[in-house]
Amino acid sequence: MVGVVGITGLLVIVLVNSALAALMTRFFRVRLETAWGSILYALFLIPLTMVVVLFVLSGVFGLGVDLGSRATVIAITIAVPLAVGITFDYFWMPAPDEVDVPDRTRSR
């Protein structure tokens, strides 16, 4: 039987991974100016970081529940938060070109 604590732990993992995906996507969109870089970054670097966070939260802190299979774990804790985070950044946040960034030159 799945308990309330287990479900809450799973939701924490999903929310942390969603926020991580959104922040990493935003960082990439602000810093990098290549087309292929964004695809590689979104498909490899963000999920790798999310797997590390999943291992820490579920292994070290014991959050989450037994989902039964690896495919279910990847779908619920990696794929869904990745899609939500990238969607959040691309559709809800303003484009990096629309945001005023302070000048990085130093005054002497």
PDB file of N, CA and C in Angstrom:
ATOM      1  N   MET A   1       0.837  -1.180   0.000  1.00  0.00           N
ATOM      2  CA  MET A   1       0.000   0.000   0.000  1.00  0.00           C
ATOM      3  C   MET A   1       0.882   1.243   0.000  1.00  0.00           C
ATOM      4  N   VAL A   2       0.552   2.162  -0.847  1.00  0.00           N
ATOM      5  CA  VAL A   2       1.301   3.403  -0.965  1.00  0.00           C
ATOM      6  C   VAL A   2       0.786   4.379   0.085  1.00  0.00           C
ATOM      7  N   GLY A   3       1.715   4.948   0.849  1.00  0.00           N
ATOM      8  CA  GLY A   3       1.327   5.872   1.904  1.00  0.00           C
ATOM      9  C   GLY A   3       1.404   7.320   1.463  1.00  0.00           C
ATOM     10  N   VAL A   4       0.868   8.167   2.288  1.00  0.00           N
ATOM     11  CA  VAL A   4       0.869   9.605   2.020  1.00  0.00           C
ATOM     12  C   VAL A   4       2.297  10.145   2.001  1.00  0.00           C
ATOM     13  N   VAL A   5       3.138   9.644   2.887  1.00  0.00           N
ATOM     14  CA  VAL A   5       4.525  10.096   2.943  1.00  0.00           C
ATOM     15  C   VAL A   5       5.258   9.725   1.656  1.00  0.00           C
ATOM     16  N   GLY A   6       5.022   8.529   1.138  1.00  0.00           N
ATOM     17  CA  GLY A   6       5.648   8.091  -0.108  1.00  0.00           C
ATOM     18  C   GLY A   6       5.225   8.929  -1.300  1.00  0.00           C
ATOM     19  N   ILE A   7       3.925   9.219  -1.384  1.00  0.00           N
ATOM     20  CA  ILE A   7       3.403  10.063  -2.463  1.00  0.00           C
ATOM     21  C   ILE A   7       3.972  11.473  -2.357  1.00  0.00           C
ATOM     22  N   THR A   8       4.050  12.001  -1.147  1.00  0.00           N
ATOM     23  CA  THR A   8       4.615  13.327  -0.932  1.00  0.00           C
ATOM     24  C   THR A   8       6.080  13.357  -1.355  1.00  0.00           C
ATOM     25  N   GLY A   9       6.835  12.320  -1.015  1.00  0.00           N
ATOM     26  CA  GLY A   9       8.231  12.238  -1.428  1.00  0.00           C
ATOM     27  C   GLY A   9       8.370  12.193  -2.941  1.00  0.00           C
ATOM     28  N   LEU A  10       7.502  11.448  -3.599  1.00  0.00           N
ATOM     29  CA  LEU A  10       7.524  11.387  -5.054  1.00  0.00           C
ATOM     30  C   LEU A  10       7.202  12.747  -5.664  1.00  0.00           C
ATOM     31  N   LEU A  11       6.244  13.448  -5.104  1.00  0.00           N
ATOM     32  CA  LEU A  11       5.913  14.791  -5.587  1.00  0.00           C
ATOM     33  C   LEU A  11       7.069  15.764  -5.389  1.00  0.00           C
ATOM     34  N   VAL A  12       7.790  15.628  -4.283  1.00  0.00           N
ATOM     35  CA  VAL A  12       8.966  16.476  -4.051  1.00  0.00           C
ATOM     36  C   VAL A  12      10.010  16.219  -5.131  1.00  0.00           C
ATOM     37  N   ILE A  13      10.255  14.956  -5.454  1.00  0.00           N
ATOM     38  CA  ILE A  13      11.222  14.624  -6.501  1.00  0.00           C
ATOM     39  C   ILE A  13      10.787  15.211  -7.842  1.00  0.00           C
ATOM     40  N   VAL A  14       9.523  15.071  -8.177  1.00  0.00           N
ATOM     41  CA  VAL A  14       9.016  15.595  -9.454  1.00  0.00           C
ATOM     42  C   VAL A  14       9.111  17.115  -9.488  1.00  0.00           C
ATOM     43  N   LEU A  15       8.752  17.786  -8.401  1.00  0.00           N
ATOM     44  CA  LEU A  15       8.821  19.246  -8.368  1.00  0.00           C
ATOM     45  C   LEU A  15      10.257  19.761  -8.424  1.00  0.00           C
ATOM     46  N   VAL A  16      11.164  19.119  -7.707  1.00  0.00           N
ATOM     47  CA  VAL A  16      12.571  19.532  -7.736  1.00  0.00           C
ATOM     48  C   VAL A  16      13.147  19.331  -9.133  1.00  0.00           C
ATOM     49  N   ASN A  17      12.862  18.195  -9.756  1.00  0.00           N
ATOM     50  CA  ASN A  17      13.366  17.948 -11.102  1.00  0.00           C
ATOM     51  C   ASN A  17      12.739  18.892 -12.130  1.00  0.00           C
ATOM     52  N   SER A  18      11.479  19.245 -11.966  1.00  0.00           N
ATOM     53  CA  SER A  18      10.842  20.210 -12.874  1.00  0.00           C
ATOM     54  C   SER A  18      11.480  21.585 -12.746  1.00  0.00           C
ATOM     55  N   ALA A  19      11.716  22.018 -11.523  1.00  0.00           N
ATOM     56  CA  ALA A  19      12.367  23.311 -11.306  1.00  0.00           C
ATOM     57  C   ALA A  19      13.789  23.300 -11.846  1.00  0.00           C
ATOM     58  N   LEU A  20      14.498  22.211 -11.642  1.00  0.00           N
ATOM     59  CA  LEU A  20      15.855  22.080 -12.151  1.00  0.00           C
ATOM     60  C   LEU A  20      15.877  22.152 -13.677  1.00  0.00           C
ATOM     61  N   ALA A  21      14.958  21.470 -14.328  1.00  0.00           N
ATOM     62  CA  ALA A  21      14.891  21.501 -15.788  1.00  0.00           C
ATOM     63  C   ALA A  21      14.573  22.904 -16.296  1.00  0.00           C
ATOM     64  N   ALA A  22      13.654  23.601 -15.635  1.00  0.00           N
ATOM     65  CA  ALA A  22      13.311  24.960 -16.051  1.00  0.00           C
ATOM     66  C   ALA A  22      14.496  25.917 -15.857  1.00  0.00           C
ATOM     67  N   LEU A  23      15.183  25.812 -14.727  1.00  0.00           N
ATOM     68  CA  LEU A  23      16.324  26.696 -14.473  1.00  0.00           C
ATOM     69  C   LEU A  23      17.491  26.412 -15.407  1.00  0.00           C
ATOM     70  N   MET A  24      17.755  25.141 -15.660  1.00  0.00           N
ATOM     71  CA  MET A  24      18.853  24.805 -16.563  1.00  0.00           C
ATOM     72  C   MET A  24      18.534  25.207 -18.001  1.00  0.00           C
ATOM     73  N   THR A  25      17.280  25.092 -18.409  1.00  0.00           N
ATOM     74  CA  THR A  25      16.885  25.535 -19.744  1.00  0.00           C
ATOM     75  C   THR A  25      17.018  27.044 -19.863  1.00  0.00           C
ATOM     76  N   ARG A  26      16.606  27.762 -18.834  1.00  0.00           N
ATOM     77  CA  ARG A  26      16.726  29.228 -18.849  1.00  0.00           C
ATOM     78  C   ARG A  26      18.192  29.643 -18.918  1.00  0.00           C
ATOM     79  N   PHE A  27      19.035  29.010 -18.114  1.00  0.00           N
ATOM     80  CA  PHE A  27      20.462  29.324 -18.134  1.00  0.00           C
ATOM     81  C   PHE A  27      21.034  29.099 -19.530  1.00  0.00           C
ATOM     82  N   PHE A  28      20.663  27.989 -20.142  1.00  0.00           N
ATOM     83  CA  PHE A  28      21.165  27.693 -21.471  1.00  0.00           C
ATOM     84  C   PHE A  28      20.680  28.713 -22.487  1.00  0.00           C
ATOM     85  N   ARG A  29      19.429  29.065 -22.451  1.00  0.00           N
ATOM     86  CA  ARG A  29      18.880  30.008 -23.427  1.00  0.00           C
ATOM     87  C   ARG A  29      19.511  31.385 -23.297  1.00  0.00           C
ATOM     88  N   VAL A  30      19.905  31.764 -22.095  1.00  0.00           N
ATOM     89  CA  VAL A  30      20.523  33.069 -21.894  1.00  0.00           C
ATOM     90  C   VAL A  30      21.984  33.058 -22.341  1.00  0.00           C
ATOM     91  N   ARG A  31      22.693  31.961 -22.100  1.00  0.00           N
ATOM     92  CA  ARG A  31      24.135  31.903 -22.332  1.00  0.00           C
ATOM     93  C   ARG A  31      24.556  31.444 -23.719  1.00  0.00           C
ATOM     94  N   LEU A  32      23.900  30.456 -24.295  1.00  0.00           N
ATOM     95  CA  LEU A  32      24.363  29.831 -25.523  1.00  0.00           C
ATOM     96  C   LEU A  32      23.599  30.353 -26.726  1.00  0.00           C
ATOM     97  N   GLU A  33      24.274  30.417 -27.864  1.00  0.00           N
ATOM     98  CA  GLU A  33      23.637  30.948 -29.065  1.00  0.00           C
ATOM     99  C   GLU A  33      23.721  29.975 -30.236  1.00  0.00           C
ATOM    100  N   THR A  34      23.658  28.683 -29.990  1.00  0.00           N
ATOM    101  CA  THR A  34      23.694  27.701 -31.060  1.00  0.00           C
ATOM    102  C   THR A  34      22.375  26.945 -31.122  1.00  0.00           C
ATOM    103  N   ALA A  35      22.080  26.405 -32.302  1.00  0.00           N
ATOM    104  CA  ALA A  35      20.841  25.641 -32.455  1.00  0.00           C
ATOM    105  C   ALA A  35      21.025  24.210 -31.981  1.00  0.00           C
ATOM    106  N   TRP A  36      22.128  23.555 -32.351  1.00  0.00           N
ATOM    107  CA  TRP A  36      22.358  22.168 -31.957  1.00  0.00           C
ATOM    108  C   TRP A  36      22.689  22.044 -30.488  1.00  0.00           C
ATOM    109  N   GLY A  37      23.286  23.074 -29.918  1.00  0.00           N
ATOM    110  CA  GLY A  37      23.636  23.028 -28.509  1.00  0.00           C
ATOM    111  C   GLY A  37      22.426  22.875 -27.624  1.00  0.00           C
ATOM    112  N   SER A  38      21.341  23.528 -27.984  1.00  0.00           N
ATOM    113  CA  SER A  38      20.139  23.450 -27.156  1.00  0.00           C
ATOM    114  C   SER A  38      19.551  22.044 -27.165  1.00  0.00           C
ATOM    115  N   ILE A  39      19.587  21.383 -28.305  1.00  0.00           N
ATOM    116  CA  ILE A  39      19.055  20.022 -28.387  1.00  0.00           C
ATOM    117  C   ILE A  39      19.914  19.068 -27.572  1.00  0.00           C
ATOM    118  N   LEU A  40      21.226  19.167 -27.741  1.00  0.00           N
ATOM    119  CA  LEU A  40      22.135  18.295 -26.994  1.00  0.00           C
ATOM    120  C   LEU A  40      22.038  18.555 -25.493  1.00  0.00           C
ATOM    121  N   TYR A  41      21.967  19.816 -25.123  1.00  0.00           N
ATOM    122  CA  TYR A  41      21.870  20.194 -23.724  1.00  0.00           C
ATOM    123  C   TYR A  41      20.579  19.648 -23.112  1.00  0.00           C
ATOM    124  N   ALA A  42      19.469  19.823 -23.819  1.00  0.00           N
ATOM    125  CA  ALA A  42      18.169  19.396 -23.285  1.00  0.00           C
ATOM    126  C   ALA A  42      18.031  17.879 -23.245  1.00  0.00           C
ATOM    127  N   LEU A  43      18.668  17.178 -24.162  1.00  0.00           N
ATOM    128  CA  LEU A  43      18.504  15.727 -24.217  1.00  0.00           C
ATOM    129  C   LEU A  43      19.526  14.952 -23.393  1.00  0.00           C
ATOM    130  N   PHE A  44      20.671  15.573 -23.070  1.00  0.00           N
ATOM    131  CA  PHE A  44      21.709  14.828 -22.366  1.00  0.00           C
ATOM    132  C   PHE A  44      22.105  15.424 -21.022  1.00  0.00           C
ATOM    133  N   LEU A  45      22.414  16.703 -20.968  1.00  0.00           N
ATOM    134  CA  LEU A  45      22.936  17.280 -19.731  1.00  0.00           C
ATOM    135  C   LEU A  45      21.852  17.459 -18.665  1.00  0.00           C
ATOM    136  N   ILE A  46      20.692  17.948 -19.045  1.00  0.00           N
ATOM    137  CA  ILE A  46      19.614  18.138 -18.071  1.00  0.00           C
ATOM    138  C   ILE A  46      19.143  16.793 -17.495  1.00  0.00           C
ATOM    139  N   PRO A  47      18.859  15.771 -18.338  1.00  0.00           N
ATOM    140  CA  PRO A  47      18.448  14.480 -17.755  1.00  0.00           C
ATOM    141  C   PRO A  47      19.528  13.843 -16.883  1.00  0.00           C
ATOM    142  N   LEU A  48      20.791  14.007 -17.253  1.00  0.00           N
ATOM    143  CA  LEU A  48      21.865  13.460 -16.426  1.00  0.00           C
ATOM    144  C   LEU A  48      21.855  14.101 -15.040  1.00  0.00           C
ATOM    145  N   THR A  49      21.688  15.402 -14.988  1.00  0.00           N
ATOM    146  CA  THR A  49      21.605  16.101 -13.712  1.00  0.00           C
ATOM    147  C   THR A  49      20.371  15.667 -12.930  1.00  0.00           C
ATOM    148  N   MET A  50      19.271  15.444 -13.622  1.00  0.00           N
ATOM    149  CA  MET A  50      18.049  15.014 -12.962  1.00  0.00           C
ATOM    150  C   MET A  50      18.188  13.610 -12.381  1.00  0.00           C
ATOM    151  N   VAL A  51      18.932  12.744 -13.052  1.00  0.00           N
ATOM    152  CA  VAL A  51      19.178  11.394 -12.521  1.00  0.00           C
ATOM    153  C   VAL A  51      19.999  11.468 -11.244  1.00  0.00           C
ATOM    154  N   VAL A  52      20.994  12.341 -11.230  1.00  0.00           N
ATOM    155  CA  VAL A  52      21.806  12.510 -10.015  1.00  0.00           C
ATOM    156  C   VAL A  52      20.930  13.000  -8.863  1.00  0.00           C
ATOM    157  N   VAL A  53      20.070  13.978  -9.126  1.00  0.00           N
ATOM    158  CA  VAL A  53      19.162  14.486  -8.094  1.00  0.00           C
ATOM    159  C   VAL A  53      18.210  13.380  -7.643  1.00  0.00           C
ATOM    160  N   LEU A  54      17.719  12.574  -8.574  1.00  0.00           N
ATOM    161  CA  LEU A  54      16.844  11.455  -8.232  1.00  0.00           C
ATOM    162  C   LEU A  54      17.553  10.470  -7.313  1.00  0.00           C
ATOM    163  N   PHE A  55      18.797  10.136  -7.633  1.00  0.00           N
ATOM    164  CA  PHE A  55      19.559   9.219  -6.775  1.00  0.00           C
ATOM    165  C   PHE A  55      19.755   9.781  -5.375  1.00  0.00           C
ATOM    166  N   VAL A  56      20.032  11.072  -5.292  1.00  0.00           N
ATOM    167  CA  VAL A  56      20.256  11.693  -3.983  1.00  0.00           C
ATOM    168  C   VAL A  56      18.954  11.733  -3.185  1.00  0.00           C
ATOM    169  N   LEU A  57      17.872  12.201  -3.805  1.00  0.00           N
ATOM    170  CA  LEU A  57      16.614  12.343  -3.071  1.00  0.00           C
ATOM    171  C   LEU A  57      15.988  10.993  -2.716  1.00  0.00           C
ATOM    172  N   SER A  58      16.060  10.029  -3.627  1.00  0.00           N
ATOM    173  CA  SER A  58      15.431   8.744  -3.332  1.00  0.00           C
ATOM    174  C   SER A  58      16.354   7.805  -2.570  1.00  0.00           C
ATOM    175  N   GLY A  59      17.653   7.912  -2.795  1.00  0.00           N
ATOM    176  CA  GLY A  59      18.588   7.016  -2.125  1.00  0.00           C
ATOM    177  C   GLY A  59      19.031   7.522  -0.772  1.00  0.00           C
ATOM    178  N   VAL A  60      19.608   8.704  -0.748  1.00  0.00           N
ATOM    179  CA  VAL A  60      20.147   9.254   0.497  1.00  0.00           C
ATOM    180  C   VAL A  60      19.027   9.665   1.449  1.00  0.00           C
ATOM    181  N   PHE A  61      18.024  10.377   0.922  1.00  0.00           N
ATOM    182  CA  PHE A  61      16.951  10.881   1.781  1.00  0.00           C
ATOM    183  C   PHE A  61      15.756   9.933   1.869  1.00  0.00           C
ATOM    184  N   GLY A  62      15.702   8.919   1.027  1.00  0.00           N
ATOM    185  CA  GLY A  62      14.639   7.927   1.099  1.00  0.00           C
ATOM    186  C   GLY A  62      13.267   8.418   0.683  1.00  0.00           C
ATOM    187  N   LEU A  63      13.210   9.423  -0.184  1.00  0.00           N
ATOM    188  CA  LEU A  63      11.919   9.937  -0.643  1.00  0.00           C
ATOM    189  C   LEU A  63      11.368   9.064  -1.761  1.00  0.00           C
ATOM    190  N   GLY A  64      10.070   9.080  -1.936  1.00  0.00           N
ATOM    191  CA  GLY A  64       9.437   8.364  -3.029  1.00  0.00           C
ATOM    192  C   GLY A  64       8.862   7.026  -2.629  1.00  0.00           C
ATOM    193  N   VAL A  65       8.311   6.358  -3.629  1.00  0.00           N
ATOM    194  CA  VAL A  65       7.684   5.047  -3.433  1.00  0.00           C
ATOM    195  C   VAL A  65       8.236   4.079  -4.470  1.00  0.00           C
ATOM    196  N   ASP A  66       7.969   2.790  -4.276  1.00  0.00           N
ATOM    197  CA  ASP A  66       8.361   1.776  -5.244  1.00  0.00           C
ATOM    198  C   ASP A  66       7.371   1.829  -6.411  1.00  0.00           C
ATOM    199  N   LEU A  67       7.854   2.215  -7.575  1.00  0.00           N
ATOM    200  CA  LEU A  67       6.978   2.363  -8.728  1.00  0.00           C
ATOM    201  C   LEU A  67       6.874   1.098  -9.564  1.00  0.00           C
ATOM    202  N   GLY A  68       7.657   0.094  -9.242  1.00  0.00           N
ATOM    203  CA  GLY A  68       7.501  -1.194  -9.888  1.00  0.00           C
ATOM    204  C   GLY A  68       8.474  -1.499 -11.005  1.00  0.00           C
ATOM    205  N   SER A  69       8.772  -0.531 -11.878  1.00  0.00           N
ATOM    206  CA  SER A  69       9.682  -0.806 -12.986  1.00  0.00           C
ATOM    207  C   SER A  69      10.561   0.414 -13.265  1.00  0.00           C
ATOM    208  N   ARG A  70      11.660   0.159 -13.938  1.00  0.00           N
ATOM    209  CA  ARG A  70      12.574   1.252 -14.290  1.00  0.00           C
ATOM    210  C   ARG A  70      11.927   2.224 -15.260  1.00  0.00           C
ATOM    211  N   ALA A  71      11.159   1.696 -16.202  1.00  0.00           N
ATOM    212  CA  ALA A  71      10.503   2.552 -17.189  1.00  0.00           C
ATOM    213  C   ALA A  71       9.534   3.527 -16.524  1.00  0.00           C
ATOM    214  N   THR A  72       8.824   3.066 -15.531  1.00  0.00           N
ATOM    215  CA  THR A  72       7.895   3.936 -14.807  1.00  0.00           C
ATOM    216  C   THR A  72       8.649   5.013 -14.035  1.00  0.00           C
ATOM    217  N   VAL A  73       9.756   4.636 -13.416  1.00  0.00           N
ATOM    218  CA  VAL A  73      10.569   5.602 -12.677  1.00  0.00           C
ATOM    219  C   VAL A  73      11.101   6.665 -13.619  1.00  0.00           C
ATOM    220  N   ILE A  74      11.631   6.263 -14.755  1.00  0.00           N
ATOM    221  CA  ILE A  74      12.169   7.229 -15.715  1.00  0.00           C
ATOM    222  C   ILE A  74      11.061   8.128 -16.248  1.00  0.00           C
ATOM    223  N   ALA A  75       9.902   7.548 -16.544  1.00  0.00           N
ATOM    224  CA  ALA A  75       8.796   8.351 -17.080  1.00  0.00           C
ATOM    225  C   ALA A  75       8.299   9.373 -16.070  1.00  0.00           C
ATOM    226  N   ILE A  76       8.105   8.957 -14.819  1.00  0.00           N
ATOM    227  CA  ILE A  76       7.494   9.845 -13.822  1.00  0.00           C
ATOM    228  C   ILE A  76       8.488  10.836 -13.235  1.00  0.00           C
ATOM    229  N   THR A  77       9.732  10.418 -13.017  1.00  0.00           N
ATOM    230  CA  THR A  77      10.676  11.308 -12.323  1.00  0.00           C
ATOM    231  C   THR A  77      11.673  12.010 -13.230  1.00  0.00           C
ATOM    232  N   ILE A  78      11.774  11.591 -14.500  1.00  0.00           N
ATOM    233  CA  ILE A  78      12.708  12.244 -15.413  1.00  0.00           C
ATOM    234  C   ILE A  78      11.976  12.853 -16.612  1.00  0.00           C
ATOM    235  N   ALA A  79      11.229  12.052 -17.367  1.00  0.00           N
ATOM    236  CA  ALA A  79      10.611  12.524 -18.608  1.00  0.00           C
ATOM    237  C   ALA A  79       9.540  13.589 -18.371  1.00  0.00           C
ATOM    238  N   VAL A  80       8.640  13.341 -17.444  1.00  0.00           N
ATOM    239  CA  VAL A  80       7.571  14.317 -17.179  1.00  0.00           C
ATOM    240  C   VAL A  80       8.130  15.638 -16.634  1.00  0.00           C
ATOM    241  N   PRO A  81       9.018  15.621 -15.619  1.00  0.00           N
ATOM    242  CA  PRO A  81       9.583  16.896 -15.156  1.00  0.00           C
ATOM    243  C   PRO A  81      10.412  17.604 -16.220  1.00  0.00           C
ATOM    244  N   LEU A  82      11.098  16.852 -17.076  1.00  0.00           N
ATOM    245  CA  LEU A  82      11.872  17.466 -18.156  1.00  0.00           C
ATOM    246  C   LEU A  82      10.935  18.195 -19.114  1.00  0.00           C
ATOM    247  N   ALA A  83       9.866  17.552 -19.508  1.00  0.00           N
ATOM    248  CA  ALA A  83       8.899  18.182 -20.404  1.00  0.00           C
ATOM    249  C   ALA A  83       8.236  19.394 -19.749  1.00  0.00           C
ATOM    250  N   VAL A  84       7.869  19.273 -18.486  1.00  0.00           N
ATOM    251  CA  VAL A  84       7.230  20.392 -17.779  1.00  0.00           C
ATOM    252  C   VAL A  84       8.202  21.563 -17.623  1.00  0.00           C
ATOM    253  N   GLY A  85       9.444  21.286 -17.263  1.00  0.00           N
ATOM    254  CA  GLY A  85      10.429  22.348 -17.066  1.00  0.00           C
ATOM    255  C   GLY A  85      10.762  23.082 -18.344  1.00  0.00           C
ATOM    256  N   ILE A  86      10.976  22.343 -19.423  1.00  0.00           N
ATOM    257  CA  ILE A  86      11.288  22.990 -20.706  1.00  0.00           C
ATOM    258  C   ILE A  86      10.086  23.764 -21.208  1.00  0.00           C
ATOM    259  N   THR A  87       8.895  23.186 -21.083  1.00  0.00           N
ATOM    260  CA  THR A  87       7.680  23.885 -21.502  1.00  0.00           C
ATOM    261  C   THR A  87       7.476  25.157 -20.694  1.00  0.00           C
ATOM    262  N   PHE A  88       7.701  25.092 -19.397  1.00  0.00           N
ATOM    263  CA  PHE A  88       7.573  26.262 -18.536  1.00  0.00           C
ATOM    264  C   PHE A  88       8.497  27.382 -19.008  1.00  0.00           C
ATOM    265  N   ASP A  89       9.741  27.050 -19.314  1.00  0.00           N
ATOM    266  CA  ASP A  89      10.685  28.081 -19.726  1.00  0.00           C
ATOM    267  C   ASP A  89      10.351  28.641 -21.101  1.00  0.00           C
ATOM    268  N   TYR A  90      10.008  27.801 -22.045  1.00  0.00           N
ATOM    269  CA  TYR A  90       9.770  28.277 -23.403  1.00  0.00           C
ATOM    270  C   TYR A  90       8.450  29.017 -23.558  1.00  0.00           C
ATOM    271  N   PHE A  91       7.405  28.608 -22.852  1.00  0.00           N
ATOM    272  CA  PHE A  91       6.095  29.198 -23.089  1.00  0.00           C
ATOM    273  C   PHE A  91       5.640  30.204 -22.043  1.00  0.00           C
ATOM    274  N   TRP A  92       6.155  30.126 -20.825  1.00  0.00           N
ATOM    275  CA  TRP A  92       5.675  31.038 -19.795  1.00  0.00           C
ATOM    276  C   TRP A  92       6.658  32.168 -19.521  1.00  0.00           C
ATOM    277  N   MET A  93       7.952  31.877 -19.577  1.00  0.00           N
ATOM    278  CA  MET A  93       8.970  32.895 -19.322  1.00  0.00           C
ATOM    279  C   MET A  93       9.197  33.714 -20.592  1.00  0.00           C
ATOM    280  N   PRO A  94       9.567  34.994 -20.449  1.00  0.00           N
ATOM    281  CA  PRO A  94       9.850  35.789 -21.654  1.00  0.00           C
ATOM    282  C   PRO A  94      11.130  35.297 -22.332  1.00  0.00           C
ATOM    283  N   ALA A  95      11.222  35.528 -23.620  1.00  0.00           N
ATOM    284  CA  ALA A  95      12.413  35.139 -24.374  1.00  0.00           C
ATOM    285  C   ALA A  95      13.619  35.921 -23.850  1.00  0.00           C
ATOM    286  N   PRO A  96      14.809  35.335 -23.913  1.00  0.00           N
ATOM    287  CA  PRO A  96      15.996  36.034 -23.414  1.00  0.00           C
ATOM    288  C   PRO A  96      16.255  37.373 -24.100  1.00  0.00           C
ATOM    289  N   ASP A  97      15.848  37.511 -25.364  1.00  0.00           N
ATOM    290  CA  ASP A  97      16.041  38.779 -26.068  1.00  0.00           C
ATOM    291  C   ASP A  97      15.144  39.886 -25.523  1.00  0.00           C
ATOM    292  N   GLU A  98      14.051  39.527 -24.886  1.00  0.00           N
ATOM    293  CA  GLU A  98      13.109  40.514 -24.368  1.00  0.00           C
ATOM    294  C   GLU A  98      13.461  41.015 -22.970  1.00  0.00           C
ATOM    295  N   VAL A  99      14.445  40.404 -22.318  1.00  0.00           N
ATOM    296  CA  VAL A  99      14.817  40.749 -20.950  1.00  0.00           C
ATOM    297  C   VAL A  99      16.020  41.681 -20.972  1.00  0.00           C
ATOM    298  N   ASP A 100      15.922  42.792 -20.236  1.00  0.00           N
ATOM    299  CA  ASP A 100      17.049  43.714 -20.132  1.00  0.00           C
ATOM    300  C   ASP A 100      18.045  43.182 -19.118  1.00  0.00           C
ATOM    301  N   VAL A 101      19.285  43.038 -19.567  1.00  0.00           N
ATOM    302  CA  VAL A 101      20.350  42.533 -18.714  1.00  0.00           C
ATOM    303  C   VAL A 101      21.329  43.675 -18.487  1.00  0.00           C
ATOM    304  N   PRO A 102      21.779  43.883 -17.240  1.00  0.00           N
ATOM    305  CA  PRO A 102      22.727  44.969 -16.994  1.00  0.00           C
ATOM    306  C   PRO A 102      24.037  44.730 -17.739  1.00  0.00           C
ATOM    307  N   ASP A 103      24.697  45.825 -18.075  1.00  0.00           N
ATOM    308  CA  ASP A 103      25.971  45.751 -18.776  1.00  0.00           C
ATOM    309  C   ASP A 103      27.019  45.119 -17.866  1.00  0.00           C
ATOM    310  N   ARG A 104      27.854  44.240 -18.408  1.00  0.00           N
ATOM    311  CA  ARG A 104      28.813  43.511 -17.605  1.00  0.00           C
ATOM    312  C   ARG A 104      30.163  44.198 -17.530  1.00  0.00           C
ATOM    313  N   THR A 105      30.305  45.355 -18.141  1.00  0.00           N
ATOM    314  CA  THR A 105      31.605  46.044 -18.071  1.00  0.00           C
ATOM    315  C   THR A 105      31.766  46.700 -16.718  1.00  0.00           C
ATOM    316  N   ARG A 106      32.998  46.729 -16.271  1.00  0.00           N
ATOM    317  CA  ARG A 106      33.291  47.319 -14.947  1.00  0.00           C
ATOM    318  C   ARG A 106      33.589  48.810 -15.092  1.00  0.00           C
ATOM    319  N   SER A 107      33.140  49.556 -14.131  1.00  0.00           N
ATOM    320  CA  SER A 107      33.463  50.984 -14.084  1.00  0.00           C
ATOM    321  C   SER A 107      34.735  51.142 -13.279  1.00  0.00           C
ATOM    322  N   ARG A 108      35.667  51.916 -13.817  1.00  0.00           N
ATOM    323  CA  ARG A 108      36.926  52.130 -13.098  1.00  0.00           C
ATOM    324  C   ARG A 108      37.108  53.568 -12.744  1.00  0.00           C
TER     325      ARG A 108
END
